[in-house]
Amino acid sequence: MESVVNDSAVATAERHELPPSMVERMTLIMDSFGAPQIRLTLEDVAGRTNLPRSTTHRILEQLVHLRWLERNGREYGLGPRALGLGGREVGHGALRTAAFPLLHALSLRTEMVVHLAVLDGADTYYLDKFGGRAAVQVPSVVGGRVPAHCTASGKSMLAWLSPEEVDGLYRNAPAQRTMRSIGALDMLHQELIRIRARSGLAFDCGECFPNIACVGAAIRVPQGPLGGISLVGDLRAPLERLAPMVANTAHAISEKLMGGAARKHAPRFEPGVMSDTPQNAALSATLGRIVALGERGVWF
């Protein structure tokens, strides 16, 4: 009998310790998502907030319905409304912090300009730029925007959106920025298929800025592309040989952001060397065709 009384007293005390208002409980749950890329299960959120599982589930589902959160299978993450209230900027800061040492090292190793970018609608938005004095020769600017379909980093990110999402971004035909830019939606979809076929590597040969070429790869998390990087040179730069370094750098940034979980989602390539794995053999063959097309001035 004494045990039953004690258990009842503990349960009553726990109920009194819960935040008294729904707003406080919702705030506890929202605070458990520290960054846009974080994905948590119901059990994770209940553990972080010390709320009852049933209460946590009910509030999570209400937040999903109101678009403060989004649910993918058993996992929850910040939704469009939360990201629109500054979460995007928080995510940009985390992305820049994770990417900085790796992109700085890539720039030093190649002695070329490196970009870090994100998608902003149908635009590529530059978050960072590396390259020392060489960066002055590339007309991109941090905080600047250019059409995503004209850049290697932009196309690498677009490639991991659904065709319907791409159609939603380009309700009108893509605008040509240079004579080499993609100018039709069906051509853009064909290019994105090719990018996915070569493990996410994208190329830009004078499509955004005349006489400038880039190779890019997306920084991916389970919910999609979080950002993109690109290595920049002139039209004669050996970008096809440097492409594996770009792929590995993007993958390493993804691993940092996801705590190593990215290893399950993408292959790794030996820097500057094509090994004999099936993935690398296919990539090598694809890059050979790209080089041949580039030499003839045909890129689509």
C-alpha atoms as a PDB file:
ATOM      1  CA  MET A   1       0.000   0.000   0.000  1.00  0.00           C
ATOM      2  CA  GLU A   2       2.830   2.372   0.912  1.00  0.00           C
ATOM      3  CA  SER A   3       4.464   1.669  -2.480  1.00  0.00           C
ATOM      4  CA  VAL A   4       1.269   2.595  -4.329  1.00  0.00           C
ATOM      5  CA  VAL A   5       0.997   5.839  -2.382  1.00  0.00           C
ATOM      6  CA  ASN A   6       4.640   6.688  -3.083  1.00  0.00           C
ATOM      7  CA  ASP A   7       4.268   5.948  -6.820  1.00  0.00           C
ATOM      8  CA  SER A   8       1.179   8.161  -6.926  1.00  0.00           C
ATOM      9  CA  ALA A   9       3.050  10.966  -5.167  1.00  0.00           C
ATOM     10  CA  VAL A  10       5.957  10.719  -7.625  1.00  0.00           C
ATOM     11  CA  ALA A  11       3.574  10.806 -10.605  1.00  0.00           C
ATOM     12  CA  THR A  12       1.796  13.835  -9.142  1.00  0.00           C
ATOM     13  CA  ALA A  13       5.134  15.597  -8.573  1.00  0.00           C
ATOM     14  CA  GLU A  14       6.234  14.863 -12.155  1.00  0.00           C
ATOM     15  CA  ARG A  15       2.984  16.322 -13.502  1.00  0.00           C
ATOM     16  CA  HIS A  16       3.538  19.482 -11.453  1.00  0.00           C
ATOM     17  CA  GLU A  17       7.094  19.766 -12.820  1.00  0.00           C
ATOM     18  CA  LEU A  18       5.893  19.870 -16.436  1.00  0.00           C
ATOM     19  CA  PRO A  19       5.815  23.325 -18.030  1.00  0.00           C
ATOM     20  CA  PRO A  20       2.342  24.667 -17.216  1.00  0.00           C
ATOM     21  CA  SER A  21       1.513  26.179 -20.601  1.00  0.00           C
ATOM     22  CA  MET A  22       1.344  24.813 -24.120  1.00  0.00           C
ATOM     23  CA  VAL A  23       3.570  27.660 -25.325  1.00  0.00           C
ATOM     24  CA  GLU A  24       6.327  26.603 -22.918  1.00  0.00           C
ATOM     25  CA  ARG A  25       6.057  22.979 -24.022  1.00  0.00           C
ATOM     26  CA  MET A  26       6.178  23.946 -27.688  1.00  0.00           C
ATOM     27  CA  THR A  27       9.208  26.139 -26.964  1.00  0.00           C
ATOM     28  CA  LEU A  28      10.984  23.241 -25.256  1.00  0.00           C
ATOM     29  CA  ILE A  29      10.381  21.066 -28.304  1.00  0.00           C
ATOM     30  CA  MET A  30      11.470  23.711 -30.814  1.00  0.00           C
ATOM     31  CA  ASP A  31      14.628  24.402 -28.764  1.00  0.00           C
ATOM     32  CA  SER A  32      15.595  20.732 -29.046  1.00  0.00           C
ATOM     33  CA  PHE A  33      16.316  21.303 -32.746  1.00  0.00           C
ATOM     34  CA  GLY A  34      19.580  23.227 -32.512  1.00  0.00           C
ATOM     35  CA  ALA A  35      20.228  23.595 -36.260  1.00  0.00           C
ATOM     36  CA  PRO A  36      18.312  23.169 -39.542  1.00  0.00           C
ATOM     37  CA  GLN A  37      20.084  19.922 -40.432  1.00  0.00           C
ATOM     38  CA  ILE A  38      19.261  18.165 -37.139  1.00  0.00           C
ATOM     39  CA  ARG A  39      16.759  15.283 -37.412  1.00  0.00           C
ATOM     40  CA  LEU A  40      15.221  13.802 -34.243  1.00  0.00           C
ATOM     41  CA  THR A  41      12.842  10.925 -33.540  1.00  0.00           C
ATOM     42  CA  LEU A  42       9.930  11.129 -31.126  1.00  0.00           C
ATOM     43  CA  GLU A  43      12.047   9.348 -28.524  1.00  0.00           C
ATOM     44  CA  ASP A  44      14.912  11.823 -29.056  1.00  0.00           C
ATOM     45  CA  VAL A  45      12.648  14.839 -28.499  1.00  0.00           C
ATOM     46  CA  ALA A  46      10.940  13.302 -25.461  1.00  0.00           C
ATOM     47  CA  GLY A  47      14.345  12.556 -23.956  1.00  0.00           C
ATOM     48  CA  ARG A  48      15.677  16.065 -24.574  1.00  0.00           C
ATOM     49  CA  THR A  49      12.589  17.826 -23.226  1.00  0.00           C
ATOM     50  CA  ASN A  50      11.617  15.419 -20.399  1.00  0.00           C
ATOM     51  CA  LEU A  51       8.025  15.650 -21.615  1.00  0.00           C
ATOM     52  CA  PRO A  52       5.766  12.580 -21.630  1.00  0.00           C
ATOM     53  CA  ARG A  53       5.946  10.657 -24.889  1.00  0.00           C
ATOM     54  CA  SER A  54       2.235  11.092 -25.628  1.00  0.00           C
ATOM     55  CA  THR A  55       2.409  14.849 -25.019  1.00  0.00           C
ATOM     56  CA  THR A  56       5.537  15.139 -27.164  1.00  0.00           C
ATOM     57  CA  HIS A  57       3.925  13.214 -30.027  1.00  0.00           C
ATOM     58  CA  ARG A  58       0.769  15.340 -29.949  1.00  0.00           C
ATOM     59  CA  ILE A  59       2.708  18.623 -30.017  1.00  0.00           C
ATOM     60  CA  LEU A  60       5.118  17.406 -32.697  1.00  0.00           C
ATOM     61  CA  GLU A  61       2.245  16.503 -34.990  1.00  0.00           C
ATOM     62  CA  GLN A  62       0.581  19.881 -34.386  1.00  0.00           C
ATOM     63  CA  LEU A  63       3.844  21.636 -35.257  1.00  0.00           C
ATOM     64  CA  VAL A  64       4.139  19.551 -38.443  1.00  0.00           C
ATOM     65  CA  HIS A  65       0.563  20.470 -39.399  1.00  0.00           C
ATOM     66  CA  LEU A  66       1.402  24.161 -38.888  1.00  0.00           C
ATOM     67  CA  ARG A  67       4.671  23.784 -40.880  1.00  0.00           C
ATOM     68  CA  TRP A  68       6.939  24.743 -37.956  1.00  0.00           C
ATOM     69  CA  LEU A  69       8.378  21.236 -38.261  1.00  0.00           C
ATOM     70  CA  GLU A  70       8.492  18.648 -41.025  1.00  0.00           C
ATOM     71  CA  ARG A  71       8.403  14.869 -40.676  1.00  0.00           C
ATOM     72  CA  ASN A  72      10.262  12.379 -42.848  1.00  0.00           C
ATOM     73  CA  GLY A  73       9.388   8.846 -41.778  1.00  0.00           C
ATOM     74  CA  ARG A  74      10.168   8.617 -38.054  1.00  0.00           C
ATOM     75  CA  GLU A  75      12.336  11.745 -37.998  1.00  0.00           C
ATOM     76  CA  TYR A  76      11.392  15.387 -37.454  1.00  0.00           C
ATOM     77  CA  GLY A  77      13.259  18.523 -38.506  1.00  0.00           C
ATOM     78  CA  LEU A  78      12.700  22.265 -38.707  1.00  0.00           C
ATOM     79  CA  GLY A  79      10.028  23.201 -41.233  1.00  0.00           C
ATOM     80  CA  PRO A  80       9.553  26.123 -43.643  1.00  0.00           C
ATOM     81  CA  ARG A  81       8.042  28.497 -41.091  1.00  0.00           C
ATOM     82  CA  ALA A  82      10.866  27.976 -38.595  1.00  0.00           C
ATOM     83  CA  LEU A  83      13.513  28.385 -41.294  1.00  0.00           C
ATOM     84  CA  GLY A  84      11.864  31.587 -42.457  1.00  0.00           C
ATOM     85  CA  LEU A  85      12.308  33.130 -38.984  1.00  0.00           C
ATOM     86  CA  GLY A  86      16.085  33.071 -38.984  1.00  0.00           C
ATOM     87  CA  GLY A  87      16.764  29.350 -39.018  1.00  0.00           C
ATOM     88  CA  ARG A  88      18.173  29.695 -42.505  1.00  0.00           C
ATOM     89  CA  GLU A  89      20.791  32.178 -41.278  1.00  0.00           C
ATOM     90  CA  VAL A  90      21.682  29.896 -38.356  1.00  0.00           C
ATOM     91  CA  GLY A  91      22.109  27.088 -40.867  1.00  0.00           C
ATOM     92  CA  HIS A  92      24.341  29.248 -43.031  1.00  0.00           C
ATOM     93  CA  GLY A  93      26.579  29.952 -40.044  1.00  0.00           C
ATOM     94  CA  ALA A  94      26.893  26.261 -39.210  1.00  0.00           C
ATOM     95  CA  LEU A  95      27.596  25.459 -42.848  1.00  0.00           C
ATOM     96  CA  ARG A  96      30.324  28.100 -43.131  1.00  0.00           C
ATOM     97  CA  THR A  97      31.930  26.922 -39.893  1.00  0.00           C
ATOM     98  CA  ALA A  98      31.996  23.292 -41.030  1.00  0.00           C
ATOM     99  CA  ALA A  99      33.202  24.139 -44.537  1.00  0.00           C
ATOM    100  CA  PHE A 100      35.853  26.759 -43.783  1.00  0.00           C
ATOM    101  CA  PRO A 101      38.936  24.585 -43.029  1.00  0.00           C
ATOM    102  CA  LEU A 102      38.176  22.113 -45.809  1.00  0.00           C
ATOM    103  CA  LEU A 103      37.586  24.755 -48.476  1.00  0.00           C
ATOM    104  CA  HIS A 104      40.622  26.734 -47.355  1.00  0.00           C
ATOM    105  CA  ALA A 105      42.717  23.578 -47.701  1.00  0.00           C
ATOM    106  CA  LEU A 106      41.232  22.834 -51.136  1.00  0.00           C
ATOM    107  CA  SER A 107      42.082  26.338 -52.317  1.00  0.00           C
ATOM    108  CA  LEU A 108      45.666  26.091 -51.020  1.00  0.00           C
ATOM    109  CA  ARG A 109      46.198  22.668 -52.546  1.00  0.00           C
ATOM    110  CA  THR A 110      44.884  23.586 -55.992  1.00  0.00           C
ATOM    111  CA  GLU A 111      45.909  27.270 -55.948  1.00  0.00           C
ATOM    112  CA  MET A 112      42.465  28.015 -57.370  1.00  0.00           C
ATOM    113  CA  VAL A 113      39.372  29.908 -56.265  1.00  0.00           C
ATOM    114  CA  VAL A 114      36.777  27.993 -54.248  1.00  0.00           C
ATOM    115  CA  HIS A 115      33.154  28.975 -53.648  1.00  0.00           C
ATOM    116  CA  LEU A 116      30.676  27.973 -50.933  1.00  0.00           C
ATOM    117  CA  ALA A 117      27.070  28.605 -51.941  1.00  0.00           C
ATOM    118  CA  VAL A 118      23.465  27.778 -51.117  1.00  0.00           C
ATOM    119  CA  LEU A 119      20.277  27.757 -53.153  1.00  0.00           C
ATOM    120  CA  ASP A 120      18.049  30.801 -52.695  1.00  0.00           C
ATOM    121  CA  GLY A 121      15.051  30.056 -54.860  1.00  0.00           C
ATOM    122  CA  ALA A 122      16.401  29.704 -58.388  1.00  0.00           C
ATOM    123  CA  ASP A 123      19.599  31.580 -57.494  1.00  0.00           C
ATOM    124  CA  THR A 124      23.014  30.561 -56.252  1.00  0.00           C
ATOM    125  CA  TYR A 125      23.810  32.677 -53.186  1.00  0.00           C
ATOM    126  CA  TYR A 126      27.538  32.894 -52.368  1.00  0.00           C
ATOM    127  CA  LEU A 127      28.327  32.393 -48.678  1.00  0.00           C
ATOM    128  CA  ASP A 128      32.114  32.314 -48.923  1.00  0.00           C
ATOM    129  CA  LYS A 129      34.993  32.620 -51.361  1.00  0.00           C
ATOM    130  CA  PHE A 130      38.595  31.452 -51.035  1.00  0.00           C
ATOM    131  CA  GLY A 131      41.606  32.030 -53.233  1.00  0.00           C
ATOM    132  CA  GLY A 132      43.707  34.939 -52.008  1.00  0.00           C
ATOM    133  CA  ARG A 133      44.848  37.261 -54.769  1.00  0.00           C
ATOM    134  CA  ALA A 134      43.480  34.915 -57.427  1.00  0.00           C
ATOM    135  CA  ALA A 135      39.953  35.535 -56.097  1.00  0.00           C
ATOM    136  CA  VAL A 136      40.067  39.100 -57.430  1.00  0.00           C
ATOM    137  CA  GLN A 137      40.138  37.750 -60.990  1.00  0.00           C
ATOM    138  CA  VAL A 138      36.810  35.919 -60.496  1.00  0.00           C
ATOM    139  CA  PRO A 139      33.856  38.376 -60.579  1.00  0.00           C
ATOM    140  CA  SER A 140      31.731  36.548 -57.973  1.00  0.00           C
ATOM    141  CA  VAL A 141      31.168  38.258 -54.602  1.00  0.00           C
ATOM    142  CA  VAL A 142      30.221  36.955 -51.162  1.00  0.00           C
ATOM    143  CA  GLY A 143      26.562  37.844 -50.658  1.00  0.00           C
ATOM    144  CA  GLY A 144      25.992  37.968 -54.409  1.00  0.00           C
ATOM    145  CA  ARG A 145      23.468  35.986 -56.421  1.00  0.00           C
ATOM    146  CA  VAL A 146      23.600  34.451 -59.876  1.00  0.00           C
ATOM    147  CA  PRO A 147      21.161  32.077 -61.630  1.00  0.00           C
ATOM    148  CA  ALA A 148      21.652  28.575 -60.226  1.00  0.00           C
ATOM    149  CA  HIS A 149      21.309  26.861 -63.609  1.00  0.00           C
ATOM    150  CA  CYS A 150      24.375  28.785 -64.840  1.00  0.00           C
ATOM    151  CA  THR A 151      26.788  27.676 -62.101  1.00  0.00           C
ATOM    152  CA  ALA A 152      28.432  24.380 -61.233  1.00  0.00           C
ATOM    153  CA  SER A 153      27.534  24.662 -57.546  1.00  0.00           C
ATOM    154  CA  GLY A 154      23.962  25.671 -58.402  1.00  0.00           C
ATOM    155  CA  LYS A 155      23.426  22.817 -60.834  1.00  0.00           C
ATOM    156  CA  SER A 156      24.932  20.341 -58.358  1.00  0.00           C
ATOM    157  CA  MET A 157      22.280  21.374 -55.820  1.00  0.00           C
ATOM    158  CA  LEU A 158      19.414  21.453 -58.321  1.00  0.00           C
ATOM    159  CA  ALA A 159      20.303  17.890 -59.329  1.00  0.00           C
ATOM    160  CA  TRP A 160      19.201  16.594 -55.915  1.00  0.00           C
ATOM    161  CA  LEU A 161      15.798  18.290 -55.980  1.00  0.00           C
ATOM    162  CA  SER A 162      12.810  16.469 -57.412  1.00  0.00           C
ATOM    163  CA  PRO A 163      11.840  17.335 -61.011  1.00  0.00           C
ATOM    164  CA  GLU A 164       8.661  18.901 -59.618  1.00  0.00           C
ATOM    165  CA  GLU A 165      10.666  21.182 -57.326  1.00  0.00           C
ATOM    166  CA  VAL A 166      12.861  22.264 -60.247  1.00  0.00           C
ATOM    167  CA  ASP A 167       9.754  22.965 -62.345  1.00  0.00           C
ATOM    168  CA  GLY A 168       8.414  25.095 -59.495  1.00  0.00           C
ATOM    169  CA  LEU A 169      11.597  27.178 -59.465  1.00  0.00           C
ATOM    170  CA  TYR A 170      11.549  27.663 -63.252  1.00  0.00           C
ATOM    171  CA  ARG A 171       7.959  28.446 -64.175  1.00  0.00           C
ATOM    172  CA  ASN A 172       9.419  30.426 -67.079  1.00  0.00           C
ATOM    173  CA  ALA A 173      12.281  29.290 -69.302  1.00  0.00           C
ATOM    174  CA  PRO A 174      15.724  29.616 -67.640  1.00  0.00           C
ATOM    175  CA  ALA A 175      17.317  32.897 -68.653  1.00  0.00           C
ATOM    176  CA  GLN A 176      20.566  32.695 -70.604  1.00  0.00           C
ATOM    177  CA  ARG A 177      23.341  34.658 -68.919  1.00  0.00           C
ATOM    178  CA  THR A 178      25.942  33.936 -71.622  1.00  0.00           C
ATOM    179  CA  MET A 179      25.862  32.251 -75.016  1.00  0.00           C
ATOM    180  CA  ARG A 180      26.728  28.947 -73.285  1.00  0.00           C
ATOM    181  CA  SER A 181      23.980  29.111 -70.638  1.00  0.00           C
ATOM    182  CA  ILE A 182      21.070  26.670 -70.588  1.00  0.00           C
ATOM    183  CA  GLY A 183      18.011  28.401 -72.023  1.00  0.00           C
ATOM    184  CA  ALA A 184      15.242  25.780 -71.875  1.00  0.00           C
ATOM    185  CA  LEU A 185      13.723  23.787 -69.031  1.00  0.00           C
ATOM    186  CA  ASP A 186      13.953  20.439 -70.839  1.00  0.00           C
ATOM    187  CA  MET A 187      17.669  21.044 -71.436  1.00  0.00           C
ATOM    188  CA  LEU A 188      18.105  21.819 -67.733  1.00  0.00           C
ATOM    189  CA  HIS A 189      16.426  18.541 -66.749  1.00  0.00           C
ATOM    190  CA  GLN A 190      18.713  16.655 -69.152  1.00  0.00           C
ATOM    191  CA  GLU A 191      21.752  18.330 -67.587  1.00  0.00           C
ATOM    192  CA  LEU A 192      20.579  17.439 -64.074  1.00  0.00           C
ATOM    193  CA  ILE A 193      20.159  13.796 -65.129  1.00  0.00           C
ATOM    194  CA  ARG A 194      23.746  13.800 -66.373  1.00  0.00           C
ATOM    195  CA  ILE A 195      24.948  15.324 -63.090  1.00  0.00           C
ATOM    196  CA  ARG A 196      23.241  12.613 -61.061  1.00  0.00           C
ATOM    197  CA  ALA A 197      24.715   9.967 -63.380  1.00  0.00           C
ATOM    198  CA  ARG A 198      28.258  11.172 -62.584  1.00  0.00           C
ATOM    199  CA  SER A 199      27.766  10.986 -58.821  1.00  0.00           C
ATOM    200  CA  GLY A 200      26.654  14.610 -58.458  1.00  0.00           C
ATOM    201  CA  LEU A 201      29.564  16.376 -60.165  1.00  0.00           C
ATOM    202  CA  ALA A 202      28.510  19.442 -62.154  1.00  0.00           C
ATOM    203  CA  PHE A 203      30.489  21.503 -64.662  1.00  0.00           C
ATOM    204  CA  ASP A 204      30.141  25.064 -65.891  1.00  0.00           C
ATOM    205  CA  CYS A 205      32.145  26.163 -68.923  1.00  0.00           C
ATOM    206  CA  GLY A 206      31.557  29.869 -69.484  1.00  0.00           C
ATOM    207  CA  GLU A 207      27.857  29.593 -68.578  1.00  0.00           C
ATOM    208  CA  CYS A 208      27.897  32.188 -65.789  1.00  0.00           C
ATOM    209  CA  PHE A 209      30.965  34.290 -66.527  1.00  0.00           C
ATOM    210  CA  PRO A 210      32.702  34.249 -69.917  1.00  0.00           C
ATOM    211  CA  ASN A 211      36.101  32.513 -69.977  1.00  0.00           C
ATOM    212  CA  ILE A 212      35.560  30.965 -66.531  1.00  0.00           C
ATOM    213  CA  ALA A 213      34.987  27.269 -65.858  1.00  0.00           C
ATOM    214  CA  CYS A 214      33.961  25.478 -62.639  1.00  0.00           C
ATOM    215  CA  VAL A 215      33.408  22.018 -61.240  1.00  0.00           C
ATOM    216  CA  GLY A 216      30.974  21.709 -58.345  1.00  0.00           C
ATOM    217  CA  ALA A 217      29.408  19.227 -55.953  1.00  0.00           C
ATOM    218  CA  ALA A 218      26.549  19.476 -53.477  1.00  0.00           C
ATOM    219  CA  ILE A 219      26.820  19.257 -49.706  1.00  0.00           C
ATOM    220  CA  ARG A 220      24.044  16.813 -48.943  1.00  0.00           C
ATOM    221  CA  VAL A 221      22.138  15.853 -45.808  1.00  0.00           C
ATOM    222  CA  PRO A 222      19.267  13.338 -45.640  1.00  0.00           C
ATOM    223  CA  GLN A 223      16.621  15.937 -46.415  1.00  0.00           C
ATOM    224  CA  GLY A 224      18.405  17.206 -49.541  1.00  0.00           C
ATOM    225  CA  PRO A 225      21.155  19.586 -50.672  1.00  0.00           C
ATOM    226  CA  LEU A 226      22.239  21.945 -47.897  1.00  0.00           C
ATOM    227  CA  GLY A 227      24.815  23.796 -49.983  1.00  0.00           C
ATOM    228  CA  GLY A 228      27.284  23.458 -52.809  1.00  0.00           C
ATOM    229  CA  ILE A 229      30.959  24.079 -53.499  1.00  0.00           C
ATOM    230  CA  SER A 230      32.813  24.840 -56.698  1.00  0.00           C
ATOM    231  CA  LEU A 231      36.420  25.002 -57.853  1.00  0.00           C
ATOM    232  CA  VAL A 232      37.019  27.813 -60.340  1.00  0.00           C
ATOM    233  CA  GLY A 233      39.523  28.244 -63.151  1.00  0.00           C
ATOM    234  CA  ASP A 234      39.754  29.474 -66.697  1.00  0.00           C
ATOM    235  CA  LEU A 235      38.542  27.464 -69.690  1.00  0.00           C
ATOM    236  CA  ARG A 236      41.901  25.675 -69.898  1.00  0.00           C
ATOM    237  CA  ALA A 237      41.979  24.539 -66.246  1.00  0.00           C
ATOM    238  CA  PRO A 238      42.250  20.737 -65.760  1.00  0.00           C
ATOM    239  CA  LEU A 239      39.002  20.557 -63.837  1.00  0.00           C
ATOM    240  CA  GLU A 240      38.265  16.978 -64.864  1.00  0.00           C
ATOM    241  CA  ARG A 241      41.384  15.815 -63.009  1.00  0.00           C
ATOM    242  CA  LEU A 242      40.527  17.900 -59.947  1.00  0.00           C
ATOM    243  CA  ALA A 243      36.884  16.822 -59.821  1.00  0.00           C
ATOM    244  CA  PRO A 244      37.470  13.947 -57.327  1.00  0.00           C
ATOM    245  CA  MET A 245      38.977  16.433 -54.862  1.00  0.00           C
ATOM    246  CA  VAL A 246      35.837  18.565 -55.117  1.00  0.00           C
ATOM    247  CA  ALA A 247      33.592  15.515 -54.604  1.00  0.00           C
ATOM    248  CA  ASN A 248      35.601  14.404 -51.567  1.00  0.00           C
ATOM    249  CA  THR A 249      35.584  17.882 -50.024  1.00  0.00           C
ATOM    250  CA  ALA A 250      31.806  18.229 -50.372  1.00  0.00           C
ATOM    251  CA  HIS A 251      31.381  14.772 -48.878  1.00  0.00           C
ATOM    252  CA  ALA A 252      33.698  15.591 -45.958  1.00  0.00           C
ATOM    253  CA  ILE A 253      31.656  18.708 -45.156  1.00  0.00           C
ATOM    254  CA  SER A 254      28.481  16.600 -45.202  1.00  0.00           C
ATOM    255  CA  GLU A 255      30.121  14.163 -42.781  1.00  0.00           C
ATOM    256  CA  LYS A 256      31.021  16.987 -40.397  1.00  0.00           C
ATOM    257  CA  LEU A 257      27.464  18.301 -40.429  1.00  0.00           C
ATOM    258  CA  MET A 258      25.927  14.870 -39.905  1.00  0.00           C
ATOM    259  CA  GLY A 259      28.496  13.461 -37.505  1.00  0.00           C
ATOM    260  CA  GLY A 260      29.811  10.875 -39.944  1.00  0.00           C
ATOM    261  CA  ALA A 261      26.424   9.581 -41.131  1.00  0.00           C
ATOM    262  CA  ALA A 262      27.201  10.797 -44.659  1.00  0.00           C
ATOM    263  CA  ARG A 263      29.497   7.794 -45.165  1.00  0.00           C
ATOM    264  CA  LYS A 264      26.408   5.723 -45.905  1.00  0.00           C
ATOM    265  CA  HIS A 265      25.150   7.995 -48.673  1.00  0.00           C
ATOM    266  CA  ALA A 266      27.958   8.737 -51.106  1.00  0.00           C
ATOM    267  CA  PRO A 267      31.105   7.175 -52.570  1.00  0.00           C
ATOM    268  CA  ARG A 268      34.556   8.576 -51.943  1.00  0.00           C
ATOM    269  CA  PHE A 269      37.118   9.203 -54.672  1.00  0.00           C
ATOM    270  CA  GLU A 270      40.869   9.239 -54.313  1.00  0.00           C
ATOM    271  CA  PRO A 271      42.059  12.875 -54.556  1.00  0.00           C
ATOM    272  CA  GLY A 272      43.446  13.460 -58.014  1.00  0.00           C
ATOM    273  CA  VAL A 273      43.412   9.732 -58.825  1.00  0.00           C
ATOM    274  CA  MET A 274      40.724   7.547 -60.317  1.00  0.00           C
ATOM    275  CA  SER A 275      40.811   4.144 -58.587  1.00  0.00           C
ATOM    276  CA  ASP A 276      39.440   0.977 -60.150  1.00  0.00           C
ATOM    277  CA  THR A 277      36.161   0.856 -58.221  1.00  0.00           C
ATOM    278  CA  PRO A 278      33.005   0.647 -60.402  1.00  0.00           C
ATOM    279  CA  GLN A 279      31.927   4.131 -59.270  1.00  0.00           C
ATOM    280  CA  ASN A 280      35.277   5.701 -60.128  1.00  0.00           C
ATOM    281  CA  ALA A 281      35.506   3.851 -63.436  1.00  0.00           C
ATOM    282  CA  ALA A 282      32.094   5.184 -64.437  1.00  0.00           C
ATOM    283  CA  LEU A 283      33.064   8.679 -63.297  1.00  0.00           C
ATOM    284  CA  SER A 284      36.350   8.515 -65.197  1.00  0.00           C
ATOM    285  CA  ALA A 285      34.562   7.479 -68.390  1.00  0.00           C
ATOM    286  CA  THR A 286      32.011  10.249 -67.955  1.00  0.00           C
ATOM    287  CA  LEU A 287      34.704  12.861 -67.358  1.00  0.00           C
ATOM    288  CA  GLY A 288      36.489  11.683 -70.482  1.00  0.00           C
ATOM    289  CA  ARG A 289      33.364  12.337 -72.511  1.00  0.00           C
ATOM    290  CA  ILE A 290      32.983  15.749 -70.843  1.00  0.00           C
ATOM    291  CA  VAL A 291      36.531  16.723 -71.778  1.00  0.00           C
ATOM    292  CA  ALA A 292      35.968  15.631 -75.379  1.00  0.00           C
ATOM    293  CA  LEU A 293      32.757  17.648 -75.581  1.00  0.00           C
ATOM    294  CA  GLY A 294      34.443  20.673 -74.042  1.00  0.00           C
ATOM    295  CA  GLU A 295      37.242  20.559 -76.557  1.00  0.00           C
ATOM    296  CA  ARG A 296      34.641  20.703 -79.335  1.00  0.00           C
ATOM    297  CA  GLY A 297      32.761  23.507 -77.587  1.00  0.00           C
ATOM    298  CA  VAL A 298      29.672  21.318 -77.005  1.00  0.00           C
ATOM    299  CA  TRP A 299      28.458  21.096 -73.400  1.00  0.00           C
ATOM    300  CA  PHE A 300      24.789  20.112 -73.653  1.00  0.00           C
END
